[in-house]
C-alpha cells in the first residue's frame, strides 16, 4: 500500500466536484496531485510503512547493516590497492589504530 501511495504522487490525478445550485458534475485532470493531496498521500504511505514494520520487523539492526557496508568498502579498497600496487595494503598507523578502537 505504501508503494502504491508513493506512486500516485507523480501520476496524473482526477479531481471532481458534485454540487452547486444546479447539482452538476465537473471533473478535471491535473498532471500531478496538489501539494495538500501529496502531503496526505505521504502520510498514508508513512502509516502503512509503520504498520508493516510492526508486523514484520527488519531482520538486521541498522548498526549491523552499516558495519557490513563499511566492511565491504574496506575489503574493496584493499582489493583495489593490491590490483594497483601488487602488494598488501599498508598497516594502519598506531595512532590511527588506537583511535579506531572503542
N, C-alpha and C. Protein backbone atom coordinates (compact mmCIF):
# COMPACT_ATOMS: atom_id res chain seq x y z
N UNK A 1 0.82 -1.19 0.00
CA UNK A 1 0.00 0.00 0.00
C UNK A 1 0.86 1.26 0.00
N UNK A 2 1.95 1.23 0.74
CA UNK A 2 2.82 2.41 0.80
C UNK A 2 3.40 2.72 -0.58
N UNK A 3 3.85 1.69 -1.29
CA UNK A 3 4.41 1.92 -2.63
C UNK A 3 3.36 2.47 -3.58
N UNK A 4 2.14 1.97 -3.47
CA UNK A 4 1.07 2.46 -4.34
C UNK A 4 0.80 3.94 -4.07
N UNK A 5 0.75 4.32 -2.80
CA UNK A 5 0.50 5.72 -2.46
C UNK A 5 1.64 6.63 -2.95
N UNK A 6 2.87 6.17 -2.79
CA UNK A 6 4.00 6.97 -3.26
C UNK A 6 4.00 7.10 -4.77
N UNK A 7 3.57 6.03 -5.46
CA UNK A 7 3.49 6.08 -6.92
C UNK A 7 2.46 7.09 -7.42
N UNK A 8 1.38 7.27 -6.67
CA UNK A 8 0.33 8.23 -7.06
C UNK A 8 0.82 9.67 -7.03
N UNK A 9 1.89 9.94 -6.29
CA UNK A 9 2.34 11.31 -6.10
C UNK A 9 2.84 11.98 -7.38
N UNK A 10 3.24 11.20 -8.37
CA UNK A 10 3.76 11.77 -9.60
C UNK A 10 2.91 11.43 -10.82
N UNK A 11 1.76 10.81 -10.61
CA UNK A 11 0.87 10.45 -11.71
C UNK A 11 -0.21 11.51 -11.89
N UNK A 12 -0.83 11.55 -13.08
CA UNK A 12 -1.96 12.45 -13.25
C UNK A 12 -3.07 12.12 -12.25
N UNK A 13 -3.77 13.15 -11.82
CA UNK A 13 -4.78 12.97 -10.78
C UNK A 13 -6.11 13.58 -11.24
N UNK A 14 -7.20 12.82 -11.06
CA UNK A 14 -8.53 13.28 -11.44
C UNK A 14 -9.18 13.97 -10.25
N UNK A 15 -9.62 15.21 -10.46
CA UNK A 15 -10.36 15.95 -9.46
C UNK A 15 -11.79 16.09 -9.95
N UNK A 16 -12.74 15.90 -9.06
CA UNK A 16 -14.15 16.01 -9.43
C UNK A 16 -14.92 16.77 -8.35
N UNK A 17 -16.06 17.26 -8.76
CA UNK A 17 -16.91 18.01 -7.84
C UNK A 17 -18.36 17.76 -8.24
N UNK A 18 -19.19 17.54 -7.26
CA UNK A 18 -20.61 17.31 -7.48
C UNK A 18 -21.38 18.28 -6.60
N UNK A 19 -22.15 19.14 -7.20
CA UNK A 19 -22.92 20.06 -6.38
C UNK A 19 -23.17 21.38 -7.07
N UNK A 20 -23.26 22.39 -6.26
CA UNK A 20 -23.60 23.71 -6.77
C UNK A 20 -25.11 23.88 -6.84
N UNK A 21 -25.56 25.03 -7.27
CA UNK A 21 -27.01 25.29 -7.29
C UNK A 21 -27.73 24.43 -8.32
N UNK A 22 -26.99 24.03 -9.39
CA UNK A 22 -27.62 23.18 -10.42
C UNK A 22 -27.34 21.70 -10.20
N UNK A 23 -26.63 21.35 -9.15
CA UNK A 23 -26.26 19.97 -8.83
C UNK A 23 -25.60 19.29 -10.04
N UNK A 24 -24.60 19.95 -10.58
CA UNK A 24 -23.91 19.38 -11.74
C UNK A 24 -22.60 18.72 -11.33
N UNK A 25 -22.05 17.94 -12.24
CA UNK A 25 -20.82 17.19 -12.02
C UNK A 25 -19.74 17.80 -12.90
N UNK A 26 -18.60 18.11 -12.28
CA UNK A 26 -17.46 18.66 -13.02
C UNK A 26 -16.23 17.82 -12.67
N UNK A 27 -15.36 17.66 -13.65
CA UNK A 27 -14.09 16.97 -13.39
C UNK A 27 -12.99 17.57 -14.24
N UNK A 28 -11.77 17.41 -13.74
CA UNK A 28 -10.58 17.85 -14.47
C UNK A 28 -9.41 16.98 -14.03
N UNK A 29 -8.47 16.79 -14.92
CA UNK A 29 -7.28 16.00 -14.63
C UNK A 29 -6.08 16.94 -14.61
N UNK A 30 -5.29 16.82 -13.55
CA UNK A 30 -4.05 17.60 -13.42
C UNK A 30 -2.86 16.67 -13.60
N UNK A 31 -1.72 17.19 -14.05
CA UNK A 31 -0.54 16.34 -14.25
C UNK A 31 -0.06 15.68 -12.95
N UNK A 32 -0.25 16.36 -11.82
CA UNK A 32 0.14 15.84 -10.50
C UNK A 32 -0.90 16.26 -9.48
N UNK A 33 -0.98 15.54 -8.37
CA UNK A 33 -1.87 15.99 -7.29
C UNK A 33 -1.37 17.32 -6.71
N UNK A 34 -2.26 18.01 -6.04
CA UNK A 34 -1.90 19.27 -5.39
C UNK A 34 -0.95 18.98 -4.23
N UNK A 35 -0.22 19.98 -3.74
CA UNK A 35 0.67 19.75 -2.59
C UNK A 35 -0.08 19.19 -1.37
N UNK A 36 -1.29 19.66 -1.13
CA UNK A 36 -2.05 19.15 0.02
C UNK A 36 -2.37 17.67 -0.16
N UNK A 37 -2.74 17.28 -1.39
CA UNK A 37 -3.03 15.87 -1.64
C UNK A 37 -1.77 15.02 -1.56
N UNK A 38 -0.64 15.54 -2.03
CA UNK A 38 0.63 14.79 -1.91
C UNK A 38 1.00 14.61 -0.45
N UNK A 39 0.76 15.62 0.37
CA UNK A 39 1.03 15.52 1.80
C UNK A 39 0.17 14.42 2.42
N UNK A 40 -1.09 14.35 2.02
CA UNK A 40 -1.98 13.29 2.52
C UNK A 40 -1.50 11.92 2.06
N UNK A 41 -1.07 11.81 0.81
CA UNK A 41 -0.57 10.53 0.30
C UNK A 41 0.69 10.10 1.05
N UNK A 42 1.57 11.06 1.37
CA UNK A 42 2.78 10.75 2.11
C UNK A 42 2.45 10.27 3.52
N UNK A 43 1.46 10.89 4.16
CA UNK A 43 1.05 10.46 5.50
C UNK A 43 0.46 9.06 5.45
N UNK A 44 -0.33 8.76 4.42
CA UNK A 44 -0.90 7.43 4.26
C UNK A 44 0.20 6.39 4.04
N UNK A 45 1.17 6.72 3.19
CA UNK A 45 2.29 5.80 2.93
C UNK A 45 3.10 5.59 4.20
N UNK A 46 3.33 6.65 4.97
CA UNK A 46 4.09 6.52 6.22
C UNK A 46 3.38 5.64 7.22
N UNK A 47 2.07 5.79 7.34
CA UNK A 47 1.30 4.94 8.27
C UNK A 47 1.33 3.49 7.83
N UNK A 48 1.22 3.24 6.52
CA UNK A 48 1.26 1.87 6.01
C UNK A 48 2.63 1.25 6.25
N UNK A 49 3.68 2.01 6.03
CA UNK A 49 5.04 1.51 6.25
C UNK A 49 5.28 1.22 7.73
N UNK A 50 4.82 2.12 8.59
CA UNK A 50 4.97 1.92 10.03
C UNK A 50 4.28 0.64 10.48
N UNK A 51 3.07 0.42 10.01
CA UNK A 51 2.33 -0.79 10.39
C UNK A 51 3.00 -2.05 9.85
N UNK A 52 3.51 -1.98 8.63
CA UNK A 52 4.16 -3.18 8.06
C UNK A 52 5.44 -3.51 8.83
N UNK A 53 6.16 -2.48 9.30
CA UNK A 53 7.38 -2.75 10.08
C UNK A 53 7.04 -3.34 11.44
N UNK A 54 5.89 -2.99 12.00
CA UNK A 54 5.48 -3.58 13.27
C UNK A 54 5.09 -5.04 13.09
N UNK A 55 4.50 -5.37 11.94
CA UNK A 55 4.11 -6.76 11.68
C UNK A 55 5.31 -7.64 11.36
N UNK A 56 6.26 -7.09 10.60
CA UNK A 56 7.44 -7.85 10.20
C UNK A 56 8.66 -6.95 10.35
N UNK A 57 9.30 -6.94 11.54
CA UNK A 57 10.45 -6.06 11.74
C UNK A 57 11.63 -6.46 10.84
N UNK A 58 12.52 -5.52 10.55
CA UNK A 58 13.70 -5.84 9.74
C UNK A 58 14.53 -6.95 10.38
N UNK A 59 15.21 -7.74 9.55
CA UNK A 59 15.99 -8.88 10.05
C UNK A 59 17.28 -8.45 10.75
N UNK A 60 17.85 -7.35 10.33
CA UNK A 60 19.09 -6.89 10.94
C UNK A 60 18.90 -5.48 11.48
N UNK A 61 19.65 -5.17 12.53
CA UNK A 61 19.57 -3.81 13.04
C UNK A 61 20.40 -2.88 12.15
N UNK A 62 20.07 -1.59 12.09
CA UNK A 62 20.78 -0.67 11.22
C UNK A 62 22.28 -0.60 11.50
N UNK A 63 22.67 -0.73 12.76
CA UNK A 63 24.09 -0.68 13.09
C UNK A 63 24.86 -1.83 12.46
N UNK A 64 24.27 -3.01 12.52
CA UNK A 64 24.92 -4.18 11.91
C UNK A 64 25.02 -4.01 10.40
N UNK A 65 23.96 -3.50 9.79
CA UNK A 65 23.97 -3.28 8.36
C UNK A 65 25.04 -2.25 7.98
N UNK A 66 25.16 -1.18 8.76
CA UNK A 66 26.16 -0.17 8.50
C UNK A 66 27.58 -0.71 8.63
N UNK A 67 27.78 -1.56 9.65
CA UNK A 67 29.12 -2.16 9.81
C UNK A 67 29.45 -3.06 8.64
N UNK A 68 28.48 -3.80 8.10
CA UNK A 68 28.77 -4.67 6.97
C UNK A 68 29.08 -3.86 5.72
N UNK A 69 28.41 -2.72 5.55
CA UNK A 69 28.70 -1.86 4.41
C UNK A 69 30.11 -1.30 4.51
N UNK A 70 30.51 -0.86 5.70
CA UNK A 70 31.87 -0.34 5.90
C UNK A 70 32.89 -1.46 5.67
N UNK A 71 32.60 -2.65 6.16
CA UNK A 71 33.50 -3.79 5.95
C UNK A 71 33.66 -4.11 4.47
N UNK A 72 32.56 -4.09 3.73
CA UNK A 72 32.64 -4.34 2.29
C UNK A 72 33.43 -3.25 1.58
N UNK A 73 33.26 -2.01 2.02
CA UNK A 73 34.01 -0.91 1.44
C UNK A 73 35.51 -1.08 1.69
N UNK A 74 35.88 -1.42 2.93
CA UNK A 74 37.29 -1.61 3.25
C UNK A 74 37.89 -2.77 2.46
N UNK A 75 37.15 -3.86 2.32
CA UNK A 75 37.65 -5.01 1.54
C UNK A 75 37.83 -4.62 0.08
N UNK A 76 36.89 -3.85 -0.47
CA UNK A 76 37.02 -3.38 -1.85
C UNK A 76 38.21 -2.47 -2.04
N UNK A 77 38.46 -1.58 -1.07
CA UNK A 77 39.63 -0.71 -1.15
C UNK A 77 40.92 -1.50 -1.08
N UNK A 78 40.95 -2.54 -0.24
CA UNK A 78 42.14 -3.38 -0.14
C UNK A 78 42.38 -4.11 -1.46
N UNK A 79 41.31 -4.65 -2.07
CA UNK A 79 41.48 -5.33 -3.37
C UNK A 79 41.98 -4.36 -4.43
N UNK A 80 41.46 -3.14 -4.44
CA UNK A 80 41.89 -2.14 -5.39
C UNK A 80 43.37 -1.79 -5.19
N UNK A 81 43.79 -1.68 -3.93
CA UNK A 81 45.19 -1.37 -3.64
C UNK A 81 46.10 -2.47 -4.17
N UNK A 82 45.70 -3.73 -3.92
CA UNK A 82 46.51 -4.87 -4.39
C UNK A 82 46.57 -4.87 -5.91
N UNK A 83 45.45 -4.59 -6.57
CA UNK A 83 45.43 -4.58 -8.04
C UNK A 83 46.31 -3.47 -8.59
N UNK A 84 46.34 -2.33 -7.95
CA UNK A 84 47.13 -1.20 -8.45
C UNK A 84 48.62 -1.31 -8.11
N UNK A 85 48.91 -1.81 -6.88
CA UNK A 85 50.29 -1.76 -6.40
C UNK A 85 50.94 -3.14 -6.29
N UNK A 86 50.19 -4.21 -6.43
CA UNK A 86 50.75 -5.54 -6.45
C UNK A 86 51.18 -6.09 -5.09
N UNK A 87 50.94 -5.42 -4.03
CA UNK A 87 51.31 -5.91 -2.71
C UNK A 87 50.21 -5.67 -1.71
N UNK A 88 50.36 -6.18 -0.50
CA UNK A 88 49.32 -5.98 0.51
C UNK A 88 49.24 -4.51 0.91
N UNK A 89 48.05 -4.06 1.30
CA UNK A 89 47.92 -2.67 1.74
C UNK A 89 48.72 -2.42 3.01
N UNK A 90 49.20 -1.21 3.20
CA UNK A 90 49.98 -0.91 4.40
C UNK A 90 49.12 -1.04 5.66
N UNK A 91 49.75 -1.35 6.76
CA UNK A 91 49.04 -1.46 8.05
C UNK A 91 48.70 -0.06 8.55
N UNK A 92 47.68 0.02 9.37
CA UNK A 92 47.28 1.30 9.94
C UNK A 92 48.36 1.80 10.90
N UNK A 93 48.52 3.13 11.00
CA UNK A 93 49.43 3.71 11.97
C UNK A 93 48.95 3.37 13.37
N UNK A 94 49.88 3.34 14.33
CA UNK A 94 49.50 3.05 15.71
C UNK A 94 48.50 4.08 16.23
N UNK A 95 48.70 5.37 15.87
CA UNK A 95 47.76 6.42 16.32
C UNK A 95 46.38 6.19 15.73
N UNK A 96 46.35 5.81 14.45
CA UNK A 96 45.05 5.58 13.81
C UNK A 96 44.40 4.33 14.36
N UNK A 97 45.16 3.27 14.62
CA UNK A 97 44.60 2.04 15.16
C UNK A 97 44.03 2.28 16.55
N UNK A 98 44.71 3.10 17.35
CA UNK A 98 44.21 3.40 18.70
C UNK A 98 42.93 4.23 18.63
N UNK A 99 42.84 5.11 17.64
CA UNK A 99 41.64 5.93 17.50
C UNK A 99 40.45 5.09 17.04
N UNK A 100 40.71 4.00 16.29
CA UNK A 100 39.64 3.14 15.80
C UNK A 100 39.08 2.22 16.88
N UNK A 101 39.86 1.95 17.93
CA UNK A 101 39.40 1.03 18.95
C UNK A 101 38.40 1.72 19.88
N UNK A 102 37.32 0.98 20.29
CA UNK A 102 36.32 1.62 21.17
C UNK A 102 36.82 1.86 22.56
